């Protein structure tokens, strides 16, 4: 089990935590400042993700 923790890439975990937190903050701001429901915000996030993937902003590993 100790070997598992030694092999983790902590920078990748930190980046994932920060990006996930940023996405949540954006969603919360949209809920607070607009009349969008959480379902519509989810659809918006998925659509933006598809568009970003189409323009190859991020690559599939």
PDB file of N, CA and C in Angstrom:
ATOM      1  N   UNK A   1       0.822  -1.193   0.000  1.00  0.00           N
ATOM      2  CA  UNK A   1       0.000   0.000   0.000  1.00  0.00           C
ATOM      3  C   UNK A   1       0.865   1.256   0.000  1.00  0.00           C
ATOM      4  N   UNK A   2       1.974   1.236   0.707  1.00  0.00           N
ATOM      5  CA  UNK A   2       2.860   2.399   0.753  1.00  0.00           C
ATOM      6  C   UNK A   2       3.451   2.675  -0.621  1.00  0.00           C
ATOM      7  N   UNK A   3       3.707   1.615  -1.404  1.00  0.00           N
ATOM      8  CA  UNK A   3       4.238   1.779  -2.747  1.00  0.00           C
ATOM      9  C   UNK A   3       3.237   2.519  -3.635  1.00  0.00           C
ATOM     10  N   UNK A   4       1.953   2.306  -3.432  1.00  0.00           N
ATOM     11  CA  UNK A   4       0.909   2.988  -4.199  1.00  0.00           C
ATOM     12  C   UNK A   4       1.010   4.493  -4.017  1.00  0.00           C
ATOM     13  N   UNK A   5       1.176   4.939  -2.780  1.00  0.00           N
ATOM     14  CA  UNK A   5       1.245   6.373  -2.510  1.00  0.00           C
ATOM     15  C   UNK A   5       2.551   6.981  -3.014  1.00  0.00           C
ATOM     16  N   UNK A   6       3.605   6.206  -3.063  1.00  0.00           N
ATOM     17  CA  UNK A   6       4.875   6.713  -3.566  1.00  0.00           C
ATOM     18  C   UNK A   6       4.830   6.936  -5.067  1.00  0.00           C
ATOM     19  N   UNK A   7       3.983   6.183  -5.783  1.00  0.00           N
ATOM     20  CA  UNK A   7       3.908   6.277  -7.238  1.00  0.00           C
ATOM     21  C   UNK A   7       2.895   7.305  -7.728  1.00  0.00           C
ATOM     22  N   UNK A   8       2.167   7.943  -6.826  1.00  0.00           N
ATOM     23  CA  UNK A   8       1.178   8.932  -7.248  1.00  0.00           C
ATOM     24  C   UNK A   8       1.858  10.200  -7.742  1.00  0.00           C
ATOM     25  N   UNK A   9       1.277  10.787  -8.774  1.00  0.00           N
ATOM     26  CA  UNK A   9       1.762  12.075  -9.275  1.00  0.00           C
ATOM     27  C   UNK A   9       0.941  13.159  -8.586  1.00  0.00           C
ATOM     28  N   UNK A  10       1.487  13.744  -7.548  1.00  0.00           N
ATOM     29  CA  UNK A  10       0.753  14.685  -6.709  1.00  0.00           C
ATOM     30  C   UNK A  10       0.414  15.975  -7.444  1.00  0.00           C
ATOM     31  N   UNK A  11       1.218  16.362  -8.416  1.00  0.00           N
ATOM     32  CA  UNK A  11       0.930  17.577  -9.186  1.00  0.00           C
ATOM     33  C   UNK A  11      -0.333  17.376 -10.027  1.00  0.00           C
ATOM     34  N   UNK A  12      -0.479  16.212 -10.623  1.00  0.00           N
ATOM     35  CA  UNK A  12      -1.680  15.914 -11.410  1.00  0.00           C
ATOM     36  C   UNK A  12      -2.905  15.906 -10.507  1.00  0.00           C
ATOM     37  N   UNK A  13      -2.786  15.340  -9.322  1.00  0.00           N
ATOM     38  CA  UNK A  13      -3.907  15.333  -8.382  1.00  0.00           C
ATOM     39  C   UNK A  13      -4.279  16.747  -7.950  1.00  0.00           C
ATOM     40  N   UNK A  14      -3.291  17.586  -7.707  1.00  0.00           N
ATOM     41  CA  UNK A  14      -3.548  18.970  -7.333  1.00  0.00           C
ATOM     42  C   UNK A  14      -4.227  19.733  -8.464  1.00  0.00           C
ATOM     43  N   UNK A  15      -3.754  19.539  -9.694  1.00  0.00           N
ATOM     44  CA  UNK A  15      -4.379  20.197 -10.844  1.00  0.00           C
ATOM     45  C   UNK A  15      -5.823  19.745 -11.014  1.00  0.00           C
ATOM     46  N   UNK A  16      -6.086  18.463 -10.863  1.00  0.00           N
ATOM     47  CA  UNK A  16      -7.452  17.944 -10.985  1.00  0.00           C
ATOM     48  C   UNK A  16      -8.349  18.536  -9.908  1.00  0.00           C
ATOM     49  N   UNK A  17      -7.833  18.648  -8.695  1.00  0.00           N
ATOM     50  CA  UNK A  17      -8.597  19.246  -7.596  1.00  0.00           C
ATOM     51  C   UNK A  17      -8.921  20.706  -7.887  1.00  0.00           C
ATOM     52  N   UNK A  18      -7.944  21.458  -8.373  1.00  0.00           N
ATOM     53  CA  UNK A  18      -8.155  22.882  -8.656  1.00  0.00           C
ATOM     54  C   UNK A  18      -9.113  23.095  -9.825  1.00  0.00           C
ATOM     55  N   UNK A  19      -8.975  22.316 -10.883  1.00  0.00           N
ATOM     56  CA  UNK A  19      -9.871  22.450 -12.032  1.00  0.00           C
ATOM     57  C   UNK A  19     -11.291  22.054 -11.644  1.00  0.00           C
ATOM     58  N   UNK A  20     -11.441  20.987 -10.899  1.00  0.00           N
ATOM     59  CA  UNK A  20     -12.766  20.579 -10.435  1.00  0.00           C
ATOM     60  C   UNK A  20     -13.399  21.627  -9.542  1.00  0.00           C
ATOM     61  N   UNK A  21     -12.602  22.219  -8.663  1.00  0.00           N
ATOM     62  CA  UNK A  21     -13.105  23.293  -7.811  1.00  0.00           C
ATOM     63  C   UNK A  21     -13.514  24.510  -8.609  1.00  0.00           C
ATOM     64  N   UNK A  22     -12.735  24.847  -9.638  1.00  0.00           N
ATOM     65  CA  UNK A  22     -13.076  25.987 -10.494  1.00  0.00           C
ATOM     66  C   UNK A  22     -14.387  25.751 -11.238  1.00  0.00           C
ATOM     67  N   UNK A  23     -14.588  24.536 -11.712  1.00  0.00           N
ATOM     68  CA  UNK A  23     -15.841  24.200 -12.394  1.00  0.00           C
ATOM     69  C   UNK A  23     -17.016  24.347 -11.430  1.00  0.00           C
ATOM     70  N   UNK A  24     -16.850  23.913 -10.202  1.00  0.00           N
ATOM     71  CA  UNK A  24     -17.911  24.043  -9.204  1.00  0.00           C
ATOM     72  C   UNK A  24     -18.196  25.503  -8.874  1.00  0.00           C
ATOM     73  N   UNK A  25     -17.146  26.319  -8.788  1.00  0.00           N
ATOM     74  CA  UNK A  25     -17.329  27.746  -8.509  1.00  0.00           C
ATOM     75  C   UNK A  25     -18.093  28.408  -9.649  1.00  0.00           C
ATOM     76  N   UNK A  26     -17.749  28.086 -10.886  1.00  0.00           N
ATOM     77  CA  UNK A  26     -18.469  28.648 -12.032  1.00  0.00           C
ATOM     78  C   UNK A  26     -19.932  28.226 -11.997  1.00  0.00           C
ATOM     79  N   UNK A  27     -20.184  26.969 -11.708  1.00  0.00           N
ATOM     80  CA  UNK A  27     -21.565  26.488 -11.616  1.00  0.00           C
ATOM     81  C   UNK A  27     -22.344  27.193 -10.517  1.00  0.00           C
ATOM     82  N   UNK A  28     -21.713  27.399  -9.372  1.00  0.00           N
ATOM     83  CA  UNK A  28     -22.387  28.079  -8.261  1.00  0.00           C
ATOM     84  C   UNK A  28     -22.682  29.533  -8.600  1.00  0.00           C
ATOM     85  N   UNK A  29     -21.755  30.196  -9.281  1.00  0.00           N
ATOM     86  CA  UNK A  29     -21.999  31.580  -9.699  1.00  0.00           C
ATOM     87  C   UNK A  29     -23.160  31.642 -10.686  1.00  0.00           C
ATOM     88  N   UNK A  30     -23.217  30.686 -11.612  1.00  0.00           N
ATOM     89  CA  UNK A  30     -24.328  30.653 -12.562  1.00  0.00           C
ATOM     90  C   UNK A  30     -25.662  30.429 -11.857  1.00  0.00           C
ATOM     91  N   UNK A  31     -25.675  29.580 -10.843  1.00  0.00           N
ATOM     92  CA  UNK A  31     -26.908  29.340 -10.088  1.00  0.00           C
ATOM     93  C   UNK A  31     -27.324  30.602  -9.337  1.00  0.00           C
ATOM     94  N   UNK A  32     -26.352  31.280  -8.718  1.00  0.00           N
ATOM     95  CA  UNK A  32     -26.661  32.454  -7.903  1.00  0.00           C
ATOM     96  C   UNK A  32     -27.050  33.672  -8.732  1.00  0.00           C
ATOM     97  N   UNK A  33     -26.409  33.875  -9.869  1.00  0.00           N
ATOM     98  CA  UNK A  33     -26.585  35.109 -10.638  1.00  0.00           C
ATOM     99  C   UNK A  33     -27.603  35.006 -11.767  1.00  0.00           C
ATOM    100  N   UNK A  34     -28.002  33.812 -12.147  1.00  0.00           N
ATOM    101  CA  UNK A  34     -28.954  33.636 -13.245  1.00  0.00           C
ATOM    102  C   UNK A  34     -30.137  32.809 -12.756  1.00  0.00           C
ATOM    103  N   UNK A  35     -31.082  32.636 -13.627  1.00  0.00           N
ATOM    104  CA  UNK A  35     -32.241  31.798 -13.307  1.00  0.00           C
ATOM    105  C   UNK A  35     -32.092  30.395 -13.896  1.00  0.00           C
ATOM    106  N   UNK A  36     -30.852  30.030 -14.235  1.00  0.00           N
ATOM    107  CA  UNK A  36     -30.609  28.702 -14.774  1.00  0.00           C
ATOM    108  C   UNK A  36     -30.738  27.650 -13.680  1.00  0.00           C
ATOM    109  N   UNK A  37     -31.320  26.530 -14.039  1.00  0.00           N
ATOM    110  CA  UNK A  37     -31.406  25.419 -13.094  1.00  0.00           C
ATOM    111  C   UNK A  37     -30.119  24.604 -13.170  1.00  0.00           C
ATOM    112  N   UNK A  38     -29.912  23.758 -12.198  1.00  0.00           N
ATOM    113  CA  UNK A  38     -28.694  22.945 -12.193  1.00  0.00           C
ATOM    114  C   UNK A  38     -28.651  21.997 -13.393  1.00  0.00           C
ATOM    115  N   UNK A  39     -29.806  21.526 -13.845  1.00  0.00           N
ATOM    116  CA  UNK A  39     -29.839  20.640 -15.017  1.00  0.00           C
ATOM    117  C   UNK A  39     -29.392  21.387 -16.267  1.00  0.00           C
ATOM    118  N   UNK A  40     -29.815  22.617 -16.430  1.00  0.00           N
ATOM    119  CA  UNK A  40     -29.405  23.400 -17.599  1.00  0.00           C
ATOM    120  C   UNK A  40     -27.922  23.736 -17.546  1.00  0.00           C
ATOM    121  N   UNK A  41     -27.416  23.990 -16.356  1.00  0.00           N
ATOM    122  CA  UNK A  41     -25.988  24.269 -16.216  1.00  0.00           C
ATOM    123  C   UNK A  41     -25.183  23.018 -16.556  1.00  0.00           C
ATOM    124  N   UNK A  42     -25.666  21.856 -16.144  1.00  0.00           N
ATOM    125  CA  UNK A  42     -24.997  20.604 -16.477  1.00  0.00           C
ATOM    126  C   UNK A  42     -24.943  20.405 -17.990  1.00  0.00           C
ATOM    127  N   UNK A  43     -26.063  20.659 -18.668  1.00  0.00           N
ATOM    128  CA  UNK A  43     -26.101  20.543 -20.125  1.00  0.00           C
ATOM    129  C   UNK A  43     -25.138  21.551 -20.751  1.00  0.00           C
ATOM    130  N   UNK A  44     -25.076  22.751 -20.197  1.00  0.00           N
ATOM    131  CA  UNK A  44     -24.146  23.768 -20.683  1.00  0.00           C
ATOM    132  C   UNK A  44     -22.699  23.293 -20.542  1.00  0.00           C
ATOM    133  N   UNK A  45     -22.353  22.731 -19.392  1.00  0.00           N
ATOM    134  CA  UNK A  45     -20.989  22.241 -19.164  1.00  0.00           C
ATOM    135  C   UNK A  45     -20.642  21.104 -20.118  1.00  0.00           C
ATOM    136  N   UNK A  46     -21.568  20.192 -20.330  1.00  0.00           N
ATOM    137  CA  UNK A  46     -21.314  19.079 -21.252  1.00  0.00           C
ATOM    138  C   UNK A  46     -21.129  19.596 -22.666  1.00  0.00           C
ATOM    139  N   UNK A  47     -21.969  20.533 -23.076  1.00  0.00           N
ATOM    140  CA  UNK A  47     -21.861  21.107 -24.419  1.00  0.00           C
ATOM    141  C   UNK A  47     -20.540  21.837 -24.607  1.00  0.00           C
ATOM    142  N   UNK A  48     -20.143  22.618 -23.610  1.00  0.00           N
ATOM    143  CA  UNK A  48     -18.853  23.311 -23.686  1.00  0.00           C
ATOM    144  C   UNK A  48     -17.713  22.297 -23.761  1.00  0.00           C
ATOM    145  N   UNK A  49     -17.811  21.204 -23.006  1.00  0.00           N
ATOM    146  CA  UNK A  49     -16.798  20.162 -23.061  1.00  0.00           C
ATOM    147  C   UNK A  49     -16.696  19.520 -24.437  1.00  0.00           C
ATOM    148  N   UNK A  50     -17.826  19.288 -25.073  1.00  0.00           N
ATOM    149  CA  UNK A  50     -17.827  18.708 -26.422  1.00  0.00           C
ATOM    150  C   UNK A  50     -17.201  19.683 -27.410  1.00  0.00           C
ATOM    151  N   UNK A  51     -17.544  20.957 -27.297  1.00  0.00           N
ATOM    152  CA  UNK A  51     -16.975  21.964 -28.202  1.00  0.00           C
ATOM    153  C   UNK A  51     -15.464  22.084 -27.990  1.00  0.00           C
ATOM    154  N   UNK A  52     -15.027  22.095 -26.741  1.00  0.00           N
ATOM    155  CA  UNK A  52     -13.587  22.169 -26.470  1.00  0.00           C
ATOM    156  C   UNK A  52     -12.853  20.944 -27.012  1.00  0.00           C
ATOM    157  N   UNK A  53     -13.474  19.786 -26.901  1.00  0.00           N
ATOM    158  CA  UNK A  53     -12.866  18.565 -27.437  1.00  0.00           C
ATOM    159  C   UNK A  53     -12.806  18.624 -28.956  1.00  0.00           C
ATOM    160  N   UNK A  54     -13.838  19.186 -29.588  1.00  0.00           N
ATOM    161  CA  UNK A  54     -13.890  19.287 -31.039  1.00  0.00           C
ATOM    162  C   UNK A  54     -12.776  20.188 -31.563  1.00  0.00           C
ATOM    163  N   UNK A  55     -12.501  21.275 -30.829  1.00  0.00           N
ATOM    164  CA  UNK A  55     -11.425  22.181 -31.210  1.00  0.00           C
ATOM    165  C   UNK A  55     -10.075  21.723 -30.667  1.00  0.00           C
ATOM    166  N   UNK A  56     -10.017  20.542 -30.107  1.00  0.00           N
ATOM    167  CA  UNK A  56      -8.812  19.927 -29.540  1.00  0.00           C
ATOM    168  C   UNK A  56      -8.109  20.830 -28.545  1.00  0.00           C
ATOM    169  N   UNK A  57      -8.900  21.519 -27.704  1.00  0.00           N
ATOM    170  CA  UNK A  57      -8.309  22.314 -26.623  1.00  0.00           C
ATOM    171  C   UNK A  57      -7.625  21.397 -25.635  1.00  0.00           C
ATOM    172  N   UNK A  58      -8.212  20.251 -25.384  1.00  0.00           N
ATOM    173  CA  UNK A  58      -7.550  19.241 -24.564  1.00  0.00           C
ATOM    174  C   UNK A  58      -7.580  17.929 -25.337  1.00  0.00           C
ATOM    175  N   UNK A  59      -6.554  17.163 -25.153  1.00  0.00           N
ATOM    176  CA  UNK A  59      -6.403  15.925 -25.921  1.00  0.00           C
ATOM    177  C   UNK A  59      -6.795  14.722 -25.072  1.00  0.00           C
ATOM    178  N   UNK A  60      -7.328  13.727 -25.739  1.00  0.00           N
ATOM    179  CA  UNK A  60      -7.659  12.487 -25.057  1.00  0.00           C
ATOM    180  C   UNK A  60      -6.385  11.688 -24.829  1.00  0.00           C
ATOM    181  N   UNK A  61      -6.186  11.219 -23.595  1.00  0.00           N
ATOM    182  CA  UNK A  61      -4.972  10.448 -23.280  1.00  0.00           C
ATOM    183  C   UNK A  61      -5.176   8.998 -23.552  1.00  0.00           C
TER     184      UNK A  61
END
